[in-house]
Each structure stands twice: as C-alpha cells, then as structure tokens.
Amino acid sequence: MATSSLAKSFVIKTKKEAGNFVKLFSEQENQRPLKDINIVTLSQERLIELINEKRK
C-alpha cells in the first residue's frame, strides 16, 4: 500500500492489503460513518501515462 496521506489518496494493490486495511479500520473505537468513494481500476498503459504526466 502506498500513501502520502490518508486525507489525500492511497493505493491498495492486493486483496490481503484490502483485508488488513478494513480489519484495522473496523477495530478503531471512534468510528465515523464513511463517505461514499469512487473506485477506478487503471490499465497498466493508463498508469504509465499518469506517471509520465506527473514527471513533466
């Protein structure tokens, strides 16, 4: 999982990482309701394009 800040964005690459994240989140005592989020799956080509654009 890559993250610069949980308030910004992060990447979960595997089902195991997703499960661990949900487990840790669900164990928190002061849970707030979650907002709806958008999930986008990128192709490898699109990911490469985004990385190259960020470097410019």
C-alpha atoms as a PDB file:
ATOM      1  CA  MET A   1       0.000   0.000   0.000  1.00  0.00           C
ATOM      2  CA  ALA A   2       1.378   3.378  -0.974  1.00  0.00           C
ATOM      3  CA  THR A   3       0.257   6.517   0.779  1.00  0.00           C
ATOM      4  CA  SER A   4       1.339  10.101   1.117  1.00  0.00           C
ATOM      5  CA  SER A   5      -1.541  10.981   3.388  1.00  0.00           C
ATOM      6  CA  LEU A   6      -4.745   9.178   4.210  1.00  0.00           C
ATOM      7  CA  ALA A   7      -6.500  12.516   3.798  1.00  0.00           C
ATOM      8  CA  LYS A   8      -5.350  12.564   0.155  1.00  0.00           C
ATOM      9  CA  SER A   9      -5.169   9.211  -1.586  1.00  0.00           C
ATOM     10  CA  PHE A  10      -3.534   5.832  -1.361  1.00  0.00           C
ATOM     11  CA  VAL A  11      -3.253   2.605  -3.323  1.00  0.00           C
ATOM     12  CA  ILE A  12      -4.147  -0.868  -2.121  1.00  0.00           C
ATOM     13  CA  LYS A  13      -2.739  -3.415  -4.538  1.00  0.00           C
ATOM     14  CA  THR A  14      -3.842  -6.801  -3.203  1.00  0.00           C
ATOM     15  CA  LYS A  15      -6.838  -8.418  -1.555  1.00  0.00           C
ATOM     16  CA  LYS A  16      -4.681  -9.104   1.501  1.00  0.00           C
ATOM     17  CA  GLU A  17      -3.835  -5.382   1.840  1.00  0.00           C
ATOM     18  CA  ALA A  18      -7.539  -4.519   1.466  1.00  0.00           C
ATOM     19  CA  GLY A  19      -8.486  -7.037   4.131  1.00  0.00           C
ATOM     20  CA  ASN A  20      -5.832  -5.752   6.522  1.00  0.00           C
ATOM     21  CA  PHE A  21      -6.952  -2.154   5.966  1.00  0.00           C
ATOM     22  CA  VAL A  22     -10.602  -2.985   6.629  1.00  0.00           C
ATOM     23  CA  LYS A  23      -9.673  -5.014   9.723  1.00  0.00           C
ATOM     24  CA  LEU A  24      -7.603  -2.172  11.198  1.00  0.00           C
ATOM     25  CA  PHE A  25     -10.273   0.370  10.366  1.00  0.00           C
ATOM     26  CA  SER A  26     -13.067  -1.719  11.881  1.00  0.00           C
ATOM     27  CA  GLU A  27     -11.120  -2.161  15.130  1.00  0.00           C
ATOM     28  CA  GLN A  28     -10.998   1.591  15.788  1.00  0.00           C
ATOM     29  CA  GLU A  29     -13.051   2.721  18.782  1.00  0.00           C
ATOM     30  CA  ASN A  30     -14.204   6.113  17.497  1.00  0.00           C
ATOM     31  CA  GLN A  31     -15.519   5.213  14.073  1.00  0.00           C
ATOM     32  CA  ARG A  32     -17.203   7.862  11.985  1.00  0.00           C
ATOM     33  CA  PRO A  33     -19.576   6.979   9.136  1.00  0.00           C
ATOM     34  CA  LEU A  34     -17.727   6.545   5.854  1.00  0.00           C
ATOM     35  CA  LYS A  35     -18.397   8.778   2.893  1.00  0.00           C
ATOM     36  CA  ASP A  36     -19.049   7.187  -0.478  1.00  0.00           C
ATOM     37  CA  ILE A  37     -15.886   6.862  -2.528  1.00  0.00           C
ATOM     38  CA  ASN A  38     -15.159   6.293  -6.189  1.00  0.00           C
ATOM     39  CA  ILE A  39     -13.007   3.343  -7.168  1.00  0.00           C
ATOM     40  CA  VAL A  40     -11.223   3.333 -10.500  1.00  0.00           C
ATOM     41  CA  THR A  41      -9.228   0.452 -11.910  1.00  0.00           C
ATOM     42  CA  LEU A  42      -6.495   1.612 -14.265  1.00  0.00           C
ATOM     43  CA  SER A  43      -4.915  -0.324 -17.059  1.00  0.00           C
ATOM     44  CA  GLN A  44      -1.141  -0.595 -16.975  1.00  0.00           C
ATOM     45  CA  GLU A  45      -0.943   1.696 -20.017  1.00  0.00           C
ATOM     46  CA  ARG A  46      -3.035   4.404 -18.321  1.00  0.00           C
ATOM     47  CA  LEU A  47      -0.975   4.128 -15.145  1.00  0.00           C
ATOM     48  CA  ILE A  48       2.224   4.659 -17.151  1.00  0.00           C
ATOM     49  CA  GLU A  49       0.639   7.705 -18.838  1.00  0.00           C
ATOM     50  CA  LEU A  50      -0.288   9.222 -15.473  1.00  0.00           C
ATOM     51  CA  ILE A  51       3.193   8.639 -14.036  1.00  0.00           C
ATOM     52  CA  ASN A  52       4.830  10.197 -17.089  1.00  0.00           C
ATOM     53  CA  GLU A  53       2.499  13.227 -16.953  1.00  0.00           C
ATOM     54  CA  LYS A  54       3.281  13.756 -13.252  1.00  0.00           C
ATOM     55  CA  ARG A  55       7.016  13.810 -14.003  1.00  0.00           C
ATOM     56  CA  LYS A  56       6.679  16.678 -16.526  1.00  0.00           C
END
